[in-house]
Amino acid sequence: MRDLINLIEATIGGVPEDIVERYSYGDCMWLALALNKRFGWPIFAQMEDGHIAHAYCKMPDGRECDVLGPQDQVDIWTTDVQPWTPEELLQEIEDHGSPRATAKFAHANDVIDLYIAPKL
């Protein structure tokens, strides 16, 4: 049932609150990695106290893209923004080689298909 609700919300342009929360507070790095792999967009991360506060990608037209799709600027968590390679970002993720990580990457790709790609 949840999948049907997500599909309906995606069709009308909204991103479900649980997806926004998941990819704004915790799994944003997986989404940034998936966007980078699919589109080749460079990854950026807002840093806070030496840790990643939020990761996203920059599109060729200069817009930034995270779970909410293309935007002139993603929400600002901090002004300390740094570019990251996919390899560097993976090193920051503790379970990057686990089956759980594979599932997170697959889910991030589903999010792209449902909520981000239709806005491109």
PDB file of N, CA and C in Angstrom:
ATOM      1  N   MET A   1       0.822  -1.192   0.000  1.00  0.00           N
ATOM      2  CA  MET A   1       0.000   0.000   0.000  1.00  0.00           C
ATOM      3  C   MET A   1       0.869   1.261   0.000  1.00  0.00           C
ATOM      4  N   ARG A   2       1.953   1.234   0.794  1.00  0.00           N
ATOM      5  CA  ARG A   2       2.841   2.402   0.859  1.00  0.00           C
ATOM      6  C   ARG A   2       3.431   2.696  -0.512  1.00  0.00           C
ATOM      7  N   ASP A   3       3.775   1.648  -1.282  1.00  0.00           N
ATOM      8  CA  ASP A   3       4.327   1.853  -2.624  1.00  0.00           C
ATOM      9  C   ASP A   3       3.321   2.558  -3.528  1.00  0.00           C
ATOM     10  N   LEU A   4       2.049   2.193  -3.409  1.00  0.00           N
ATOM     11  CA  LEU A   4       1.006   2.838  -4.204  1.00  0.00           C
ATOM     12  C   LEU A   4       0.865   4.310  -3.820  1.00  0.00           C
ATOM     13  N   ILE A   5       0.892   4.593  -2.534  1.00  0.00           N
ATOM     14  CA  ILE A   5       0.817   5.982  -2.064  1.00  0.00           C
ATOM     15  C   ILE A   5       2.007   6.777  -2.582  1.00  0.00           C
ATOM     16  N   ASN A   6       3.206   6.200  -2.509  1.00  0.00           N
ATOM     17  CA  ASN A   6       4.408   6.880  -3.018  1.00  0.00           C
ATOM     18  C   ASN A   6       4.280   7.163  -4.512  1.00  0.00           C
ATOM     19  N   LEU A   7       3.756   6.203  -5.273  1.00  0.00           N
ATOM     20  CA  LEU A   7       3.600   6.390  -6.714  1.00  0.00           C
ATOM     21  C   LEU A   7       2.612   7.516  -7.013  1.00  0.00           C
ATOM     22  N   ILE A   8       1.512   7.565  -6.287  1.00  0.00           N
ATOM     23  CA  ILE A   8       0.525   8.626  -6.481  1.00  0.00           C
ATOM     24  C   ILE A   8       1.127   9.983  -6.143  1.00  0.00           C
ATOM     25  N   GLU A   9       1.837  10.066  -4.999  1.00  0.00           N
ATOM     26  CA  GLU A   9       2.461  11.332  -4.613  1.00  0.00           C
ATOM     27  C   GLU A   9       3.505  11.755  -5.630  1.00  0.00           C
ATOM     28  N   ALA A  10       4.265  10.806  -6.151  1.00  0.00           N
ATOM     29  CA  ALA A  10       5.290  11.129  -7.145  1.00  0.00           C
ATOM     30  C   ALA A  10       4.645  11.660  -8.424  1.00  0.00           C
ATOM     31  N   THR A  11       3.537  11.059  -8.796  1.00  0.00           N
ATOM     32  CA  THR A  11       2.859  11.457 -10.022  1.00  0.00           C
ATOM     33  C   THR A  11       2.365  12.894  -9.952  1.00  0.00           C
ATOM     34  N   ILE A  12       1.936  13.327  -8.785  1.00  0.00           N
ATOM     35  CA  ILE A  12       1.445  14.700  -8.656  1.00  0.00           C
ATOM     36  C   ILE A  12       2.554  15.669  -8.249  1.00  0.00           C
ATOM     37  N   GLY A  13       3.794  15.179  -8.172  1.00  0.00           N
ATOM     38  CA  GLY A  13       4.932  16.056  -7.980  1.00  0.00           C
ATOM     39  C   GLY A  13       5.456  16.179  -6.571  1.00  0.00           C
ATOM     40  N   GLY A  14       4.819  15.579  -5.614  1.00  0.00           N
ATOM     41  CA  GLY A  14       5.287  15.690  -4.242  1.00  0.00           C
ATOM     42  C   GLY A  14       6.214  14.558  -3.862  1.00  0.00           C
ATOM     43  N   VAL A  15       7.092  14.845  -2.922  1.00  0.00           N
ATOM     44  CA  VAL A  15       7.956  13.808  -2.373  1.00  0.00           C
ATOM     45  C   VAL A  15       7.415  13.502  -0.978  1.00  0.00           C
ATOM     46  N   PRO A  16       7.111  12.237  -0.686  1.00  0.00           N
ATOM     47  CA  PRO A  16       6.562  11.900   0.624  1.00  0.00           C
ATOM     48  C   PRO A  16       7.477  12.364   1.761  1.00  0.00           C
ATOM     49  N   GLU A  17       6.852  12.756   2.849  1.00  0.00           N
ATOM     50  CA  GLU A  17       7.588  13.299   3.988  1.00  0.00           C
ATOM     51  C   GLU A  17       8.641  12.335   4.517  1.00  0.00           C
ATOM     52  N   ASP A  18       8.314  11.034   4.554  1.00  0.00           N
ATOM     53  CA  ASP A  18       9.288  10.073   5.076  1.00  0.00           C
ATOM     54  C   ASP A  18      10.512   9.966   4.168  1.00  0.00           C
ATOM     55  N   ILE A  19      10.324  10.136   2.867  1.00  0.00           N
ATOM     56  CA  ILE A  19      11.455  10.103   1.928  1.00  0.00           C
ATOM     57  C   ILE A  19      12.298  11.362   2.090  1.00  0.00           C
ATOM     58  N   VAL A  20      11.636  12.509   2.206  1.00  0.00           N
ATOM     59  CA  VAL A  20      12.374  13.766   2.420  1.00  0.00           C
ATOM     60  C   VAL A  20      13.194  13.672   3.697  1.00  0.00           C
ATOM     61  N   GLU A  21      12.588  13.173   4.759  1.00  0.00           N
ATOM     62  CA  GLU A  21      13.313  13.060   6.028  1.00  0.00           C
ATOM     63  C   GLU A  21      14.495  12.099   5.911  1.00  0.00           C
ATOM     64  N   ARG A  22      14.265  10.959   5.288  1.00  0.00           N
ATOM     65  CA  ARG A  22      15.332   9.955   5.155  1.00  0.00           C
ATOM     66  C   ARG A  22      16.533  10.496   4.382  1.00  0.00           C
ATOM     67  N   TYR A  23      16.262  11.212   3.280  1.00  0.00           N
ATOM     68  CA  TYR A  23      17.355  11.687   2.438  1.00  0.00           C
ATOM     69  C   TYR A  23      17.813  13.112   2.764  1.00  0.00           C
ATOM     70  N   SER A  24      17.239  13.687   3.798  1.00  0.00           N
ATOM     71  CA  SER A  24      17.733  14.969   4.304  1.00  0.00           C
ATOM     72  C   SER A  24      18.543  14.759   5.572  1.00  0.00           C
ATOM     73  N   TYR A  25      18.226  13.711   6.309  1.00  0.00           N
ATOM     74  CA  TYR A  25      18.856  13.454   7.608  1.00  0.00           C
ATOM     75  C   TYR A  25      19.391  12.039   7.683  1.00  0.00           C
ATOM     76  N   GLY A  26      20.422  11.746   6.928  1.00  0.00           N
ATOM     77  CA  GLY A  26      21.034  10.440   7.087  1.00  0.00           C
ATOM     78  C   GLY A  26      21.475   9.744   5.814  1.00  0.00           C
ATOM     79  N   ASP A  27      20.602   9.645   4.828  1.00  0.00           N
ATOM     80  CA  ASP A  27      20.959   8.902   3.624  1.00  0.00           C
ATOM     81  C   ASP A  27      21.238   9.806   2.426  1.00  0.00           C
ATOM     82  N   CYS A  28      21.448  11.092   2.674  1.00  0.00           N
ATOM     83  CA  CYS A  28      21.719  12.026   1.577  1.00  0.00           C
ATOM     84  C   CYS A  28      22.990  11.638   0.820  1.00  0.00           C
ATOM     85  N   MET A  29      23.948  11.029   1.514  1.00  0.00           N
ATOM     86  CA  MET A  29      25.184  10.625   0.845  1.00  0.00           C
ATOM     87  C   MET A  29      24.915   9.541  -0.192  1.00  0.00           C
ATOM     88  N   TRP A  30      23.995   8.610   0.123  1.00  0.00           N
ATOM     89  CA  TRP A  30      23.647   7.554  -0.837  1.00  0.00           C
ATOM     90  C   TRP A  30      22.968   8.148  -2.062  1.00  0.00           C
ATOM     91  N   LEU A  31      22.104   9.131  -1.847  1.00  0.00           N
ATOM     92  CA  LEU A  31      21.429   9.766  -2.977  1.00  0.00           C
ATOM     93  C   LEU A  31      22.429  10.535  -3.833  1.00  0.00           C
ATOM     94  N   ALA A  32      23.353  11.240  -3.198  1.00  0.00           N
ATOM     95  CA  ALA A  32      24.381  11.969  -3.948  1.00  0.00           C
ATOM     96  C   ALA A  32      25.232  10.999  -4.771  1.00  0.00           C
ATOM     97  N   LEU A  33      25.584   9.865  -4.182  1.00  0.00           N
ATOM     98  CA  LEU A  33      26.363   8.859  -4.920  1.00  0.00           C
ATOM     99  C   LEU A  33      25.578   8.309  -6.112  1.00  0.00           C
ATOM    100  N   ALA A  34      24.290   8.057  -5.908  1.00  0.00           N
ATOM    101  CA  ALA A  34      23.461   7.527  -6.994  1.00  0.00           C
ATOM    102  C   ALA A  34      23.301   8.562  -8.112  1.00  0.00           C
ATOM    103  N   LEU A  35      23.097   9.826  -7.752  1.00  0.00           N
ATOM    104  CA  LEU A  35      22.999  10.891  -8.758  1.00  0.00           C
ATOM    105  C   LEU A  35      24.299  11.018  -9.538  1.00  0.00           C
ATOM    106  N   ASN A  36      25.417  10.945  -8.827  1.00  0.00           N
ATOM    107  CA  ASN A  36      26.726  11.037  -9.468  1.00  0.00           C
ATOM    108  C   ASN A  36      26.938   9.880 -10.442  1.00  0.00           C
ATOM    109  N   LYS A  37      26.616   8.677 -10.009  1.00  0.00           N
ATOM    110  CA  LYS A  37      26.820   7.510 -10.867  1.00  0.00           C
ATOM    111  C   LYS A  37      25.921   7.567 -12.110  1.00  0.00           C
ATOM    112  N   ARG A  38      24.677   7.988 -11.920  1.00  0.00           N
ATOM    113  CA  ARG A  38      23.738   7.993 -13.043  1.00  0.00           C
ATOM    114  C   ARG A  38      23.989   9.140 -14.022  1.00  0.00           C
ATOM    115  N   PHE A  39      24.225  10.346 -13.498  1.00  0.00           N
ATOM    116  CA  PHE A  39      24.314  11.522 -14.356  1.00  0.00           C
ATOM    117  C   PHE A  39      25.722  12.102 -14.487  1.00  0.00           C
ATOM    118  N   GLY A  40      26.645  11.659 -13.629  1.00  0.00           N
ATOM    119  CA  GLY A  40      28.002  12.193 -13.677  1.00  0.00           C
ATOM    120  C   GLY A  40      28.150  13.555 -13.010  1.00  0.00           C
ATOM    121  N   TRP A  41      27.138  13.969 -12.273  1.00  0.00           N
ATOM    122  CA  TRP A  41      27.182  15.277 -11.619  1.00  0.00           C
ATOM    123  C   TRP A  41      28.139  15.243 -10.434  1.00  0.00           C
ATOM    124  N   PRO A  42      28.927  16.303 -10.236  1.00  0.00           N
ATOM    125  CA  PRO A  42      29.848  16.325  -9.104  1.00  0.00           C
ATOM    126  C   PRO A  42      29.109  16.406  -7.766  1.00  0.00           C
ATOM    127  N   ILE A  43      29.719  15.802  -6.766  1.00  0.00           N
ATOM    128  CA  ILE A  43      29.159  15.750  -5.415  1.00  0.00           C
ATOM    129  C   ILE A  43      29.742  16.876  -4.575  1.00  0.00           C
ATOM    130  N   PHE A  44      28.873  17.508  -3.805  1.00  0.00           N
ATOM    131  CA  PHE A  44      29.291  18.518  -2.838  1.00  0.00           C
ATOM    132  C   PHE A  44      28.700  18.166  -1.488  1.00  0.00           C
ATOM    133  N   ALA A  45      29.364  18.597  -0.432  1.00  0.00           N
ATOM    134  CA  ALA A  45      28.851  18.360   0.909  1.00  0.00           C
ATOM    135  C   ALA A  45      29.037  19.605   1.755  1.00  0.00           C
ATOM    136  N   GLN A  46      28.006  19.908   2.491  1.00  0.00           N
ATOM    137  CA  GLN A  46      28.085  20.976   3.478  1.00  0.00           C
ATOM    138  C   GLN A  46      28.670  20.347   4.742  1.00  0.00           C
ATOM    139  N   MET A  47      29.719  20.951   5.255  1.00  0.00           N
ATOM    140  CA  MET A  47      30.445  20.396   6.390  1.00  0.00           C
ATOM    141  C   MET A  47      30.115  21.155   7.673  1.00  0.00           C
ATOM    142  N   GLU A  48      30.047  20.404   8.759  1.00  0.00           N
ATOM    143  CA  GLU A  48      29.811  21.012  10.064  1.00  0.00           C
ATOM    144  C   GLU A  48      30.630  20.250  11.097  1.00  0.00           C
ATOM    145  N   ASP A  49      31.537  20.961  11.749  1.00  0.00           N
ATOM    146  CA  ASP A  49      32.406  20.354  12.766  1.00  0.00           C
ATOM    147  C   ASP A  49      33.162  19.141  12.231  1.00  0.00           C
ATOM    148  N   GLY A  50      33.623  19.217  10.981  1.00  0.00           N
ATOM    149  CA  GLY A  50      34.403  18.147  10.395  1.00  0.00           C
ATOM    150  C   GLY A  50      33.599  16.960   9.877  1.00  0.00           C
ATOM    151  N   HIS A  51      32.282  17.062   9.927  1.00  0.00           N
ATOM    152  CA  HIS A  51      31.413  15.980   9.467  1.00  0.00           C
ATOM    153  C   HIS A  51      30.484  16.489   8.374  1.00  0.00           C
ATOM    154  N   ILE A  52      30.019  15.573   7.564  1.00  0.00           N
ATOM    155  CA  ILE A  52      29.085  15.940   6.491  1.00  0.00           C
ATOM    156  C   ILE A  52      27.715  16.227   7.095  1.00  0.00           C
ATOM    157  N   ALA A  53      27.222  17.431   6.854  1.00  0.00           N
ATOM    158  CA  ALA A  53      25.882  17.806   7.316  1.00  0.00           C
ATOM    159  C   ALA A  53      24.849  17.476   6.243  1.00  0.00           C
ATOM    160  N   HIS A  54      25.225  17.666   4.970  1.00  0.00           N
ATOM    161  CA  HIS A  54      24.300  17.354   3.868  1.00  0.00           C
ATOM    162  C   HIS A  54      25.094  17.214   2.575  1.00  0.00           C
ATOM    163  N   ALA A  55      24.814  16.142   1.825  1.00  0.00           N
ATOM    164  CA  ALA A  55      25.470  15.903   0.542  1.00  0.00           C
ATOM    165  C   ALA A  55      24.445  16.040  -0.583  1.00  0.00           C
ATOM    166  N   TYR A  56      24.902  16.528  -1.722  1.00  0.00           N
ATOM    167  CA  TYR A  56      24.040  16.753  -2.876  1.00  0.00           C
ATOM    168  C   TYR A  56      24.915  16.826  -4.119  1.00  0.00           C
ATOM    169  N   CYS A  57      24.304  16.994  -5.271  1.00  0.00           N
ATOM    170  CA  CYS A  57      25.064  17.121  -6.520  1.00  0.00           C
ATOM    171  C   CYS A  57      24.783  18.460  -7.177  1.00  0.00           C
ATOM    172  N   LYS A  58      25.739  18.889  -7.982  1.00  0.00           N
ATOM    173  CA  LYS A  58      25.571  20.111  -8.761  1.00  0.00           C
ATOM    174  C   LYS A  58      25.363  19.715 -10.222  1.00  0.00           C
ATOM    175  N   MET A  59      24.279  20.227 -10.790  1.00  0.00           N
ATOM    176  CA  MET A  59      23.923  19.923 -12.175  1.00  0.00           C
ATOM    177  C   MET A  59      24.733  20.799 -13.131  1.00  0.00           C
ATOM    178  N   PRO A  60      24.861  20.397 -14.394  1.00  0.00           N
ATOM    179  CA  PRO A  60      25.639  21.185 -15.362  1.00  0.00           C
ATOM    180  C   PRO A  60      25.138  22.623 -15.531  1.00  0.00           C
ATOM    181  N   ASP A  61      23.831  22.856 -15.304  1.00  0.00           N
ATOM    182  CA  ASP A  61      23.299  24.213 -15.449  1.00  0.00           C
ATOM    183  C   ASP A  61      23.493  25.067 -14.194  1.00  0.00           C
ATOM    184  N   GLY A  62      24.199  24.525 -13.184  1.00  0.00           N
ATOM    185  CA  GLY A  62      24.499  25.275 -11.967  1.00  0.00           C
ATOM    186  C   GLY A  62      23.523  25.050 -10.835  1.00  0.00           C
ATOM    187  N   ARG A  63      22.372  24.424 -11.146  1.00  0.00           N
ATOM    188  CA  ARG A  63      21.436  24.130 -10.059  1.00  0.00           C
ATOM    189  C   ARG A  63      21.983  22.993  -9.201  1.00  0.00           C
ATOM    190  N   GLU A  64      21.460  22.902  -7.992  1.00  0.00           N
ATOM    191  CA  GLU A  64      21.848  21.850  -7.065  1.00  0.00           C
ATOM    192  C   GLU A  64      20.693  20.867  -6.950  1.00  0.00           C
ATOM    193  N   CYS A  65      21.015  19.596  -6.689  1.00  0.00           N
ATOM    194  CA  CYS A  65      19.987  18.569  -6.664  1.00  0.00           C
ATOM    195  C   CYS A  65      20.157  17.669  -5.446  1.00  0.00           C
ATOM    196  N   ASP A  66      19.087  17.554  -4.675  1.00  0.00           N
ATOM    197  CA  ASP A  66      19.021  16.588  -3.592  1.00  0.00           C
ATOM    198  C   ASP A  66      17.655  15.928  -3.642  1.00  0.00           C
ATOM    199  N   VAL A  67      17.154  15.422  -2.555  1.00  0.00           N
ATOM    200  CA  VAL A  67      15.884  14.696  -2.556  1.00  0.00           C
ATOM    201  C   VAL A  67      14.715  15.545  -3.058  1.00  0.00           C
ATOM    202  N   LEU A  68      14.796  16.838  -2.953  1.00  0.00           N
ATOM    203  CA  LEU A  68      13.722  17.707  -3.414  1.00  0.00           C
ATOM    204  C   LEU A  68      13.820  18.016  -4.908  1.00  0.00           C
ATOM    205  N   GLY A  69      14.841  17.457  -5.571  1.00  0.00           N
ATOM    206  CA  GLY A  69      15.009  17.682  -6.995  1.00  0.00           C
ATOM    207  C   GLY A  69      15.836  18.914  -7.272  1.00  0.00           C
ATOM    208  N   PRO A  70      15.870  19.350  -8.529  1.00  0.00           N
ATOM    209  CA  PRO A  70      16.674  20.508  -8.914  1.00  0.00           C
ATOM    210  C   PRO A  70      16.200  21.781  -8.210  1.00  0.00           C
ATOM    211  N   GLN A  71      17.166  22.543  -7.703  1.00  0.00           N
ATOM    212  CA  GLN A  71      16.888  23.793  -7.000  1.00  0.00           C
ATOM    213  C   GLN A  71      18.003  24.774  -7.303  1.00  0.00           C
ATOM    214  N   ASP A  72      17.721  26.060  -7.178  1.00  0.00           N
ATOM    215  CA  ASP A  72      18.788  27.045  -7.327  1.00  0.00           C
ATOM    216  C   ASP A  72      19.835  26.836  -6.251  1.00  0.00           C
ATOM    217  N   GLN A  73      19.387  26.469  -5.052  1.00  0.00           N
ATOM    218  CA  GLN A  73      20.306  26.192  -3.946  1.00  0.00           C
ATOM    219  C   GLN A  73      19.597  25.278  -2.948  1.00  0.00           C
ATOM    220  N   VAL A  74      20.271  24.198  -2.552  1.00  0.00           N
ATOM    221  CA  VAL A  74      19.684  23.327  -1.535  1.00  0.00           C
ATOM    222  C   VAL A  74      19.684  24.068  -0.202  1.00  0.00           C
ATOM    223  N   ASP A  75      18.928  23.560   0.752  1.00  0.00           N
ATOM    224  CA  ASP A  75      18.894  24.184   2.077  1.00  0.00           C
ATOM    225  C   ASP A  75      20.304  24.321   2.626  1.00  0.00           C
ATOM    226  N   ILE A  76      20.567  25.461   3.195  1.00  0.00           N
ATOM    227  CA  ILE A  76      21.905  25.721   3.721  1.00  0.00           C
ATOM    228  C   ILE A  76      21.983  25.276   5.170  1.00  0.00           C
ATOM    229  N   TRP A  77      22.834  24.283   5.401  1.00  0.00           N
ATOM    230  CA  TRP A  77      23.095  23.815   6.758  1.00  0.00           C
ATOM    231  C   TRP A  77      24.299  24.570   7.306  1.00  0.00           C
ATOM    232  N   THR A  78      25.246  24.874   6.415  1.00  0.00           N
ATOM    233  CA  THR A  78      26.483  25.545   6.793  1.00  0.00           C
ATOM    234  C   THR A  78      27.087  26.160   5.536  1.00  0.00           C
ATOM    235  N   THR A  79      27.957  27.117   5.708  1.00  0.00           N
ATOM    236  CA  THR A  79      28.603  27.748   4.554  1.00  0.00           C
ATOM    237  C   THR A  79      29.888  27.031   4.148  1.00  0.00           C
ATOM    238  N   ASP A  80      30.317  26.044   4.921  1.00  0.00           N
ATOM    239  CA  ASP A  80      31.515  25.277   4.590  1.00  0.00           C
ATOM    240  C   ASP A  80      31.127  24.167   3.620  1.00  0.00           C
ATOM    241  N   VAL A  81      31.274  24.438   2.316  1.00  0.00           N
ATOM    242  CA  VAL A  81      30.894  23.481   1.268  1.00  0.00           C
ATOM    243  C   VAL A  81      32.155  23.000   0.571  1.00  0.00           C
ATOM    244  N   GLN A  82      32.271  21.672   0.420  1.00  0.00           N
ATOM    245  CA  GLN A  82      33.451  21.088  -0.197  1.00  0.00           C
ATOM    246  C   GLN A  82      33.049  20.075  -1.272  1.00  0.00           C
ATOM    247  N   PRO A  83      33.829  20.015  -2.352  1.00  0.00           N
ATOM    248  CA  PRO A  83      33.589  18.962  -3.347  1.00  0.00           C
ATOM    249  C   PRO A  83      34.114  17.623  -2.830  1.00  0.00           C
ATOM    250  N   TRP A  84      33.464  16.539  -3.246  1.00  0.00           N
ATOM    251  CA  TRP A  84      33.863  15.191  -2.842  1.00  0.00           C
ATOM    252  C   TRP A  84      33.856  14.281  -4.063  1.00  0.00           C
ATOM    253  N   THR A  85      34.805  13.374  -4.112  1.00  0.00           N
ATOM    254  CA  THR A  85      34.745  12.320  -5.124  1.00  0.00           C
ATOM    255  C   THR A  85      33.876  11.198  -4.549  1.00  0.00           C
ATOM    256  N   PRO A  86      33.331  10.348  -5.412  1.00  0.00           N
ATOM    257  CA  PRO A  86      32.558   9.215  -4.887  1.00  0.00           C
ATOM    258  C   PRO A  86      33.391   8.337  -3.949  1.00  0.00           C
ATOM    259  N   GLU A  87      34.654   8.154  -4.290  1.00  0.00           N
ATOM    260  CA  GLU A  87      35.523   7.322  -3.452  1.00  0.00           C
ATOM    261  C   GLU A  87      35.714   7.933  -2.065  1.00  0.00           C
ATOM    262  N   GLU A  88      35.904   9.250  -2.021  1.00  0.00           N
ATOM    263  CA  GLU A  88      36.052   9.921  -0.718  1.00  0.00           C
ATOM    264  C   GLU A  88      34.776   9.803   0.104  1.00  0.00           C
ATOM    265  N   LEU A  89      33.650   9.980  -0.558  1.00  0.00           N
ATOM    266  CA  LEU A  89      32.371   9.915   0.148  1.00  0.00           C
ATOM    267  C   LEU A  89      32.120   8.509   0.695  1.00  0.00           C
ATOM    268  N   LEU A  90      32.446   7.503  -0.101  1.00  0.00           N
ATOM    269  CA  LEU A  90      32.274   6.127   0.379  1.00  0.00           C
ATOM    270  C   LEU A  90      33.108   5.850   1.624  1.00  0.00           C
ATOM    271  N   GLN A  91      34.275   6.447   1.718  1.00  0.00           N
ATOM    272  CA  GLN A  91      35.117   6.248   2.900  1.00  0.00           C
ATOM    273  C   GLN A  91      34.476   6.814   4.166  1.00  0.00           C
ATOM    274  N   GLU A  92      33.580   7.782   3.999  1.00  0.00           N
ATOM    275  CA  GLU A  92      32.884   8.382   5.132  1.00  0.00           C
ATOM    276  C   GLU A  92      31.717   7.529   5.619  1.00  0.00           C
ATOM    277  N   ILE A  93      31.293   6.576   4.810  1.00  0.00           N
ATOM    278  CA  ILE A  93      30.141   5.744   5.142  1.00  0.00           C
ATOM    279  C   ILE A  93      30.641   4.443   5.753  1.00  0.00           C
ATOM    280  N   GLU A  94      30.296   4.220   7.011  1.00  0.00           N
ATOM    281  CA  GLU A  94      30.821   3.071   7.747  1.00  0.00           C
ATOM    282  C   GLU A  94      30.512   1.730   7.105  1.00  0.00           C
ATOM    283  N   ASP A  95      29.281   1.535   6.661  1.00  0.00           N
ATOM    284  CA  ASP A  95      28.869   0.221   6.152  1.00  0.00           C
ATOM    285  C   ASP A  95      28.881   0.147   4.631  1.00  0.00           C
ATOM    286  N   HIS A  96      29.786   0.892   3.981  1.00  0.00           N
ATOM    287  CA  HIS A  96      29.724   1.007   2.528  1.00  0.00           C
ATOM    288  C   HIS A  96      29.915  -0.295   1.761  1.00  0.00           C
ATOM    289  N   GLY A  97      30.442  -1.326   2.361  1.00  0.00           N
ATOM    290  CA  GLY A  97      30.637  -2.587   1.649  1.00  0.00           C
ATOM    291  C   GLY A  97      29.636  -3.661   2.015  1.00  0.00           C
ATOM    292  N   SER A  98      28.651  -3.329   2.817  1.00  0.00           N
ATOM    293  CA  SER A  98      27.721  -4.331   3.340  1.00  0.00           C
ATOM    294  C   SER A  98      26.495  -4.520   2.443  1.00  0.00           C
ATOM    295  N   PRO A  99      25.759  -5.619   2.648  1.00  0.00           N
ATOM    296  CA  PRO A  99      24.493  -5.803   1.915  1.00  0.00           C
ATOM    297  C   PRO A  99      23.505  -4.666   2.217  1.00  0.00           C
ATOM    298  N   ARG A 100      23.540  -4.146   3.428  1.00  0.00           N
ATOM    299  CA  ARG A 100      22.671  -3.021   3.782  1.00  0.00           C
ATOM    300  C   ARG A 100      22.986  -1.811   2.908  1.00  0.00           C
ATOM    301  N   ALA A 101      24.264  -1.602   2.632  1.00  0.00           N
ATOM    302  CA  ALA A 101      24.672  -0.485   1.781  1.00  0.00           C
ATOM    303  C   ALA A 101      24.156  -0.673   0.357  1.00  0.00           C
ATOM    304  N   THR A 102      24.204  -1.890  -0.135  1.00  0.00           N
ATOM    305  CA  THR A 102      23.687  -2.183  -1.475  1.00  0.00           C
ATOM    306  C   THR A 102      22.202  -1.850  -1.549  1.00  0.00           C
ATOM    307  N   ALA A 103      21.469  -2.190  -0.501  1.00  0.00           N
ATOM    308  CA  ALA A 103      20.035  -1.891  -0.462  1.00  0.00           C
ATOM    309  C   ALA A 103      19.789  -0.380  -0.403  1.00  0.00           C
ATOM    310  N   LYS A 104      20.621   0.344   0.347  1.00  0.00           N
ATOM    311  CA  LYS A 104      20.466   1.799   0.432  1.00  0.00           C
ATOM    312  C   LYS A 104      20.730   2.456  -0.918  1.00  0.00           C
ATOM    313  N   PHE A 105      21.742   1.981  -1.633  1.00  0.00           N
ATOM    314  CA  PHE A 105      22.055   2.522  -2.950  1.00  0.00           C
ATOM    315  C   PHE A 105      20.916   2.226  -3.928  1.00  0.00           C
ATOM    316  N   ALA A 106      20.362   1.023  -3.861  1.00  0.00           N
ATOM    317  CA  ALA A 106      19.237   0.658  -4.736  1.00  0.00           C
ATOM    318  C   ALA A 106      18.022   1.532  -4.428  1.00  0.00           C
ATOM    319  N   HIS A 107      17.753   1.781  -3.161  1.00  0.00           N
ATOM    320  CA  HIS A 107      16.613   2.625  -2.795  1.00  0.00           C
ATOM    321  C   HIS A 107      16.840   4.056  -3.275  1.00  0.00           C
ATOM    322  N   ALA A 108      18.059   4.547  -3.164  1.00  0.00           N
ATOM    323  CA  ALA A 108      18.371   5.897  -3.655  1.00  0.00           C
ATOM    324  C   ALA A 108      18.079   5.993  -5.156  1.00  0.00           C
ATOM    325  N   ASN A 109      18.388   4.942  -5.901  1.00  0.00           N
ATOM    326  CA  ASN A 109      18.084   4.926  -7.339  1.00  0.00           C
ATOM    327  C   ASN A 109      16.574   4.919  -7.591  1.00  0.00           C
ATOM    328  N   ASP A 110      15.821   4.227  -6.740  1.00  0.00           N
ATOM    329  CA  ASP A 110      14.358   4.266  -6.852  1.00  0.00           C
ATOM    330  C   ASP A 110      13.836   5.683  -6.613  1.00  0.00           C
ATOM    331  N   VAL A 111      14.420   6.371  -5.652  1.00  0.00           N
ATOM    332  CA  VAL A 111      14.032   7.755  -5.359  1.00  0.00           C
ATOM    333  C   VAL A 111      14.286   8.646  -6.576  1.00  0.00           C
ATOM    334  N   ILE A 112      15.411   8.434  -7.227  1.00  0.00           N
ATOM    335  CA  ILE A 112      15.706   9.200  -8.445  1.00  0.00           C
ATOM    336  C   ILE A 112      14.631   8.940  -9.496  1.00  0.00           C
ATOM    337  N   ASP A 113      14.307   7.661  -9.709  1.00  0.00           N
ATOM    338  CA  ASP A 113      13.309   7.309 -10.723  1.00  0.00           C
ATOM    339  C   ASP A 113      11.939   7.917 -10.429  1.00  0.00           C
ATOM    340  N   LEU A 114      11.520   7.856  -9.177  1.00  0.00           N
ATOM    341  CA  LEU A 114      10.179   8.307  -8.813  1.00  0.00           C
ATOM    342  C   LEU A 114      10.043   9.814  -8.646  1.00  0.00           C
ATOM    343  N   TYR A 115      11.041  10.455  -8.030  1.00  0.00           N
ATOM    344  CA  TYR A 115      10.849  11.831  -7.582  1.00  0.00           C
ATOM    345  C   TYR A 115      11.752  12.866  -8.239  1.00  0.00           C
ATOM    346  N   ILE A 116      12.915  12.457  -8.704  1.00  0.00           N
ATOM    347  CA  ILE A 116      13.855  13.447  -9.239  1.00  0.00           C
ATOM    348  C   ILE A 116      13.830  13.448 -10.767  1.00  0.00           C
ATOM    349  N   ALA A 117      13.957  12.295 -11.392  1.00  0.00           N
ATOM    350  CA  ALA A 117      13.995  12.236 -12.865  1.00  0.00           C
ATOM    351  C   ALA A 117      12.794  12.906 -13.515  1.00  0.00           C
ATOM    352  N   PRO A 118      11.575  12.764 -12.973  1.00  0.00           N
ATOM    353  CA  PRO A 118      10.445  13.451 -13.624  1.00  0.00           C
ATOM    354  C   PRO A 118      10.556  14.978 -13.610  1.00  0.00           C
ATOM    355  N   LYS A 119      11.399  15.530 -12.749  1.00  0.00           N
ATOM    356  CA  LYS A 119      11.546  16.996 -12.653  1.00  0.00           C
ATOM    357  C   LYS A 119      12.668  17.520 -13.525  1.00  0.00           C
ATOM    358  N   LEU A 120      13.420  16.634 -14.175  1.00  0.00           N
ATOM    359  CA  LEU A 120      14.573  17.077 -14.974  1.00  0.00           C
ATOM    360  C   LEU A 120      14.147  17.515 -16.362  1.00  0.00           C
TER     361      LEU A 120
END
